[in-house]
Amino acid sequence: MNQPASNDVVWIRSTVHRHTGTPACLLSWGPGKEAILTIDQTLTTARDLMAAAAAAAAAESDIALIEHLRQDLKADNTVLGGMLLAVRGRRPAPAGAAALRIEAVAGAKTGKPIVRIGRGSLRADLTPDTARTMAQHWIETATAAQIDARLRYVLDEYPQLTPDDVDQIFGKLQDLQR
């Protein structure tokens, strides 16, 4: 199985839900931590990653605004923090259940935009480009899961193939994904 070696690595791969036969994605992180995701959860997470990447890139404007308000208008951090929370509260929140906690922020130390993700003990900061790449991979994985489910259904119709034969075929296909 495609298992990450540490808490800072996230793996996602296509699968078919063992009990329902529906397409699914297997999310793995850290030693022995896994979650089965629906296609909707996977695609919602990809959408949220893309949106956060765009928002993180827009965070550069937030950083410039904060610097202007600090330097030119002498606004203190309490006022700035309250103002940013109020503005961010007016942004529309994405609908749907995502598999990761995702937020776009300006790095406090670097001043550069980042996409912060998390799930359980997993926490990571991504560049906007890395978040977009991750989102694309999640979309591809959701698509592969849908194809896997259809292929498994077709293979199950062949009486000369046993369930073990079908499992072996999918094992080899998953080995190719690694």
C-alpha atoms as a PDB file:
ATOM      1  CA  MET A   1       0.000   0.000   0.000  1.00  0.00           C
ATOM      2  CA  ASN A   2       1.118   3.520  -0.713  1.00  0.00           C
ATOM      3  CA  GLN A   3       1.832   4.732   2.843  1.00  0.00           C
ATOM      4  CA  PRO A   4       3.511   7.997   3.777  1.00  0.00           C
ATOM      5  CA  ALA A   5       6.521   7.656   6.042  1.00  0.00           C
ATOM      6  CA  SER A   6       5.817  10.722   8.162  1.00  0.00           C
ATOM      7  CA  ASN A   7       3.106  13.135   9.259  1.00  0.00           C
ATOM      8  CA  ASP A   8       4.118  15.748   6.683  1.00  0.00           C
ATOM      9  CA  VAL A   9       3.207  13.661   3.629  1.00  0.00           C
ATOM     10  CA  VAL A  10      -0.300  13.207   2.232  1.00  0.00           C
ATOM     11  CA  TRP A  11      -1.118  10.499  -0.292  1.00  0.00           C
ATOM     12  CA  ILE A  12      -4.346  10.066  -2.184  1.00  0.00           C
ATOM     13  CA  ARG A  13      -5.170   7.255  -4.560  1.00  0.00           C
ATOM     14  CA  SER A  14      -8.198   5.930  -6.343  1.00  0.00           C
ATOM     15  CA  THR A  15     -10.035   2.931  -5.007  1.00  0.00           C
ATOM     16  CA  VAL A  16     -13.431   1.315  -4.963  1.00  0.00           C
ATOM     17  CA  HIS A  17     -15.352   1.251  -1.684  1.00  0.00           C
ATOM     18  CA  ARG A  18     -15.034  -2.283  -0.352  1.00  0.00           C
ATOM     19  CA  HIS A  19     -18.657  -2.593   0.795  1.00  0.00           C
ATOM     20  CA  THR A  20     -20.603  -0.565  -1.769  1.00  0.00           C
ATOM     21  CA  GLY A  21     -18.468  -0.890  -4.909  1.00  0.00           C
ATOM     22  CA  THR A  22     -18.772   2.857  -5.464  1.00  0.00           C
ATOM     23  CA  PRO A  23     -15.811   4.964  -6.554  1.00  0.00           C
ATOM     24  CA  ALA A  24     -13.790   6.345  -3.669  1.00  0.00           C
ATOM     25  CA  CYS A  25     -10.408   7.825  -2.840  1.00  0.00           C
ATOM     26  CA  LEU A  26      -8.090   6.612  -0.098  1.00  0.00           C
ATOM     27  CA  LEU A  27      -6.389   9.428   1.800  1.00  0.00           C
ATOM     28  CA  SER A  28      -3.297   8.417   3.799  1.00  0.00           C
ATOM     29  CA  TRP A  29      -1.064  10.493   6.039  1.00  0.00           C
ATOM     30  CA  GLY A  30       1.313   9.740   8.852  1.00  0.00           C
ATOM     31  CA  PRO A  31       1.935   6.228  10.050  1.00  0.00           C
ATOM     32  CA  GLY A  32      -1.261   4.190   9.692  1.00  0.00           C
ATOM     33  CA  LYS A  33      -3.735   7.053   9.267  1.00  0.00           C
ATOM     34  CA  GLU A  34      -6.270   6.636   6.478  1.00  0.00           C
ATOM     35  CA  ALA A  35      -9.693   7.851   5.417  1.00  0.00           C
ATOM     36  CA  ILE A  36     -12.002   6.760   2.625  1.00  0.00           C
ATOM     37  CA  LEU A  37     -13.343   9.807   0.776  1.00  0.00           C
ATOM     38  CA  THR A  38     -16.322  10.066  -1.510  1.00  0.00           C
ATOM     39  CA  ILE A  39     -15.818  11.549  -4.953  1.00  0.00           C
ATOM     40  CA  ASP A  40     -17.775  14.626  -3.811  1.00  0.00           C
ATOM     41  CA  GLN A  41     -15.455  15.113  -0.810  1.00  0.00           C
ATOM     42  CA  THR A  42     -12.408  14.724  -3.031  1.00  0.00           C
ATOM     43  CA  LEU A  43     -13.653  17.206  -5.625  1.00  0.00           C
ATOM     44  CA  THR A  44     -14.805  19.662  -2.939  1.00  0.00           C
ATOM     45  CA  THR A  45     -11.344  19.514  -1.381  1.00  0.00           C
ATOM     46  CA  ALA A  46      -9.745  20.124  -4.788  1.00  0.00           C
ATOM     47  CA  ARG A  47     -12.040  23.122  -5.343  1.00  0.00           C
ATOM     48  CA  ASP A  48     -11.193  24.496  -1.908  1.00  0.00           C
ATOM     49  CA  LEU A  49      -7.460  24.053  -2.554  1.00  0.00           C
ATOM     50  CA  MET A  50      -7.786  25.988  -5.821  1.00  0.00           C
ATOM     51  CA  ALA A  51      -9.811  28.723  -4.112  1.00  0.00           C
ATOM     52  CA  ALA A  52      -7.299  28.942  -1.258  1.00  0.00           C
ATOM     53  CA  ALA A  53      -4.420  29.159  -3.745  1.00  0.00           C
ATOM     54  CA  ALA A  54      -6.165  32.081  -5.450  1.00  0.00           C
ATOM     55  CA  ALA A  55      -6.910  33.698  -2.091  1.00  0.00           C
ATOM     56  CA  ALA A  56      -3.321  33.170  -0.940  1.00  0.00           C
ATOM     57  CA  ALA A  57      -2.079  34.901  -4.050  1.00  0.00           C
ATOM     58  CA  ALA A  58      -4.532  37.726  -3.271  1.00  0.00           C
ATOM     59  CA  ALA A  59      -3.086  37.805   0.265  1.00  0.00           C
ATOM     60  CA  GLU A  60      -0.183  39.770  -1.166  1.00  0.00           C
ATOM     61  CA  SER A  61      -2.654  42.626  -1.510  1.00  0.00           C
ATOM     62  CA  ASP A  62      -3.678  42.102   2.124  1.00  0.00           C
ATOM     63  CA  ILE A  63      -0.013  42.293   3.135  1.00  0.00           C
ATOM     64  CA  ALA A  64       0.473  45.529   1.187  1.00  0.00           C
ATOM     65  CA  LEU A  65      -2.691  46.983   2.740  1.00  0.00           C
ATOM     66  CA  ILE A  66      -1.562  46.055   6.250  1.00  0.00           C
ATOM     67  CA  GLU A  67       1.842  47.654   5.691  1.00  0.00           C
ATOM     68  CA  HIS A  68       0.187  50.809   4.352  1.00  0.00           C
ATOM     69  CA  LEU A  69      -2.179  51.009   7.325  1.00  0.00           C
ATOM     70  CA  ARG A  70       0.667  50.377   9.787  1.00  0.00           C
ATOM     71  CA  GLN A  71       3.207  52.754   8.311  1.00  0.00           C
ATOM     72  CA  ASP A  72       1.157  55.543   6.780  1.00  0.00           C
ATOM     73  CA  LEU A  73      -1.906  55.601   9.035  1.00  0.00           C
ATOM     74  CA  LYS A  74      -0.159  54.273  12.185  1.00  0.00           C
ATOM     75  CA  ALA A  75      -2.929  51.696  12.810  1.00  0.00           C
ATOM     76  CA  ASP A  76      -2.133  49.297  15.621  1.00  0.00           C
ATOM     77  CA  ASN A  77      -2.240  45.505  15.341  1.00  0.00           C
ATOM     78  CA  THR A  78      -5.495  45.175  17.310  1.00  0.00           C
ATOM     79  CA  VAL A  79      -7.345  47.435  14.867  1.00  0.00           C
ATOM     80  CA  LEU A  80      -5.721  45.708  11.867  1.00  0.00           C
ATOM     81  CA  GLY A  81      -6.604  42.243  13.180  1.00  0.00           C
ATOM     82  CA  GLY A  82     -10.231  43.211  13.758  1.00  0.00           C
ATOM     83  CA  MET A  83     -10.475  44.790  10.335  1.00  0.00           C
ATOM     84  CA  LEU A  84      -9.035  41.739   8.552  1.00  0.00           C
ATOM     85  CA  LEU A  85     -11.367  39.382  10.437  1.00  0.00           C
ATOM     86  CA  ALA A  86     -14.359  41.530   9.455  1.00  0.00           C
ATOM     87  CA  VAL A  87     -13.319  41.600   5.780  1.00  0.00           C
ATOM     88  CA  ARG A  88     -12.624  37.865   5.676  1.00  0.00           C
ATOM     89  CA  GLY A  89     -15.975  37.198   7.352  1.00  0.00           C
ATOM     90  CA  ARG A  90     -17.707  38.795   4.373  1.00  0.00           C
ATOM     91  CA  ARG A  91     -16.047  36.480   1.864  1.00  0.00           C
ATOM     92  CA  PRO A  92     -18.327  33.657   0.753  1.00  0.00           C
ATOM     93  CA  ALA A  93     -17.605  30.335   2.411  1.00  0.00           C
ATOM     94  CA  PRO A  94     -17.400  27.310   0.120  1.00  0.00           C
ATOM     95  CA  ALA A  95     -20.213  24.765   0.473  1.00  0.00           C
ATOM     96  CA  GLY A  96     -19.672  21.030   0.836  1.00  0.00           C
ATOM     97  CA  ALA A  97     -17.619  18.779   3.051  1.00  0.00           C
ATOM     98  CA  ALA A  98     -13.885  18.917   2.411  1.00  0.00           C
ATOM     99  CA  ALA A  99     -11.405  16.266   3.519  1.00  0.00           C
ATOM    100  CA  LEU A 100      -8.868  18.815   4.777  1.00  0.00           C
ATOM    101  CA  ARG A 101      -8.966  22.015   6.772  1.00  0.00           C
ATOM    102  CA  ILE A 102      -7.853  24.615   4.248  1.00  0.00           C
ATOM    103  CA  GLU A 103      -7.188  28.317   4.671  1.00  0.00           C
ATOM    104  CA  ALA A 104      -5.260  30.971   2.799  1.00  0.00           C
ATOM    105  CA  VAL A 105      -3.056  33.124   4.999  1.00  0.00           C
ATOM    106  CA  ALA A 106      -0.166  35.510   4.819  1.00  0.00           C
ATOM    107  CA  GLY A 107       2.886  33.981   6.467  1.00  0.00           C
ATOM    108  CA  ALA A 108       3.514  35.906   9.680  1.00  0.00           C
ATOM    109  CA  LYS A 109       7.290  35.540   9.470  1.00  0.00           C
ATOM    110  CA  THR A 110       7.794  35.615   5.709  1.00  0.00           C
ATOM    111  CA  GLY A 111       4.986  37.937   4.662  1.00  0.00           C
ATOM    112  CA  LYS A 112       4.380  35.611   1.710  1.00  0.00           C
ATOM    113  CA  PRO A 113       1.021  34.020   0.926  1.00  0.00           C
ATOM    114  CA  ILE A 114       0.540  30.394   1.940  1.00  0.00           C
ATOM    115  CA  VAL A 115      -2.193  27.779   1.909  1.00  0.00           C
ATOM    116  CA  ARG A 116      -2.433  26.065   5.286  1.00  0.00           C
ATOM    117  CA  ILE A 117      -3.881  22.546   5.287  1.00  0.00           C
ATOM    118  CA  GLY A 118      -4.642  20.149   8.104  1.00  0.00           C
ATOM    119  CA  ARG A 119      -6.361  16.927   9.045  1.00  0.00           C
ATOM    120  CA  GLY A 120      -6.027  15.324  12.447  1.00  0.00           C
ATOM    121  CA  SER A 121      -2.388  15.740  13.452  1.00  0.00           C
ATOM    122  CA  LEU A 122      -1.354  16.696   9.905  1.00  0.00           C
ATOM    123  CA  ARG A 123      -0.508  20.354   9.408  1.00  0.00           C
ATOM    124  CA  ALA A 124       1.339  21.818   6.454  1.00  0.00           C
ATOM    125  CA  ASP A 125       1.931  25.120   4.709  1.00  0.00           C
ATOM    126  CA  LEU A 126       1.887  25.073   0.900  1.00  0.00           C
ATOM    127  CA  THR A 127       2.772  27.662  -1.676  1.00  0.00           C
ATOM    128  CA  PRO A 128      -0.164  28.658  -3.894  1.00  0.00           C
ATOM    129  CA  ASP A 129       1.483  26.771  -6.788  1.00  0.00           C
ATOM    130  CA  THR A 130       1.845  23.611  -4.684  1.00  0.00           C
ATOM    131  CA  ALA A 131      -1.810  23.888  -3.593  1.00  0.00           C
ATOM    132  CA  ARG A 132      -2.896  24.155  -7.248  1.00  0.00           C
ATOM    133  CA  THR A 133      -0.780  21.112  -8.152  1.00  0.00           C
ATOM    134  CA  MET A 134      -2.255  19.177  -5.223  1.00  0.00           C
ATOM    135  CA  ALA A 135      -5.783  20.133  -6.302  1.00  0.00           C
ATOM    136  CA  GLN A 136      -5.103  18.908  -9.832  1.00  0.00           C
ATOM    137  CA  HIS A 137      -3.853  15.589  -8.462  1.00  0.00           C
ATOM    138  CA  TRP A 138      -7.016  15.212  -6.352  1.00  0.00           C
ATOM    139  CA  ILE A 139      -9.191  15.847  -9.421  1.00  0.00           C
ATOM    140  CA  GLU A 140      -7.236  13.235 -11.395  1.00  0.00           C
ATOM    141  CA  THR A 141      -7.573  10.750  -8.521  1.00  0.00           C
ATOM    142  CA  ALA A 142     -11.348  11.265  -8.295  1.00  0.00           C
ATOM    143  CA  THR A 143     -11.611  10.679 -12.028  1.00  0.00           C
ATOM    144  CA  ALA A 144      -9.466   7.525 -11.777  1.00  0.00           C
ATOM    145  CA  ALA A 145     -11.691   6.231  -8.953  1.00  0.00           C
ATOM    146  CA  GLN A 146     -14.764   6.599 -11.139  1.00  0.00           C
ATOM    147  CA  ILE A 147     -13.031   4.714 -13.957  1.00  0.00           C
ATOM    148  CA  ASP A 148     -11.840   2.016 -11.505  1.00  0.00           C
ATOM    149  CA  ALA A 149     -15.393   1.422 -10.274  1.00  0.00           C
ATOM    150  CA  ARG A 150     -16.700   1.037 -13.817  1.00  0.00           C
ATOM    151  CA  LEU A 151     -13.836  -1.253 -14.811  1.00  0.00           C
ATOM    152  CA  ARG A 152     -14.346  -3.418 -11.731  1.00  0.00           C
ATOM    153  CA  TYR A 153     -18.045  -3.671 -12.556  1.00  0.00           C
ATOM    154  CA  VAL A 154     -17.248  -4.804 -16.119  1.00  0.00           C
ATOM    155  CA  LEU A 155     -14.609  -7.306 -14.986  1.00  0.00           C
ATOM    156  CA  ASP A 156     -17.024  -8.779 -12.437  1.00  0.00           C
ATOM    157  CA  GLU A 157     -19.325  -9.678 -15.352  1.00  0.00           C
ATOM    158  CA  TYR A 158     -16.774 -12.113 -16.810  1.00  0.00           C
ATOM    159  CA  PRO A 159     -17.412 -15.562 -15.304  1.00  0.00           C
ATOM    160  CA  GLN A 160     -13.861 -16.707 -16.064  1.00  0.00           C
ATOM    161  CA  LEU A 161     -12.488 -14.052 -13.656  1.00  0.00           C
ATOM    162  CA  THR A 162     -12.738 -14.761  -9.942  1.00  0.00           C
ATOM    163  CA  PRO A 163     -12.950 -11.957  -7.372  1.00  0.00           C
ATOM    164  CA  ASP A 164      -9.301 -12.719  -6.541  1.00  0.00           C
ATOM    165  CA  ASP A 165      -8.382 -12.276 -10.220  1.00  0.00           C
ATOM    166  CA  VAL A 166     -10.094  -8.877 -10.255  1.00  0.00           C
ATOM    167  CA  ASP A 167      -8.307  -7.887  -7.017  1.00  0.00           C
ATOM    168  CA  GLN A 168      -4.961  -8.898  -8.555  1.00  0.00           C
ATOM    169  CA  ILE A 169      -5.658  -6.804 -11.647  1.00  0.00           C
ATOM    170  CA  PHE A 170      -6.398  -3.784  -9.473  1.00  0.00           C
ATOM    171  CA  GLY A 171      -3.361  -4.463  -7.322  1.00  0.00           C
ATOM    172  CA  LYS A 172      -1.190  -4.290 -10.439  1.00  0.00           C
ATOM    173  CA  LEU A 173      -2.939  -1.117 -11.611  1.00  0.00           C
ATOM    174  CA  GLN A 174      -2.345   0.518  -8.236  1.00  0.00           C
ATOM    175  CA  ASP A 175       1.317  -0.514  -8.338  1.00  0.00           C
ATOM    176  CA  LEU A 176       1.575   1.432 -11.603  1.00  0.00           C
ATOM    177  CA  GLN A 177       0.217   4.550  -9.850  1.00  0.00           C
ATOM    178  CA  ARG A 178       3.076   4.604  -7.354  1.00  0.00           C
END
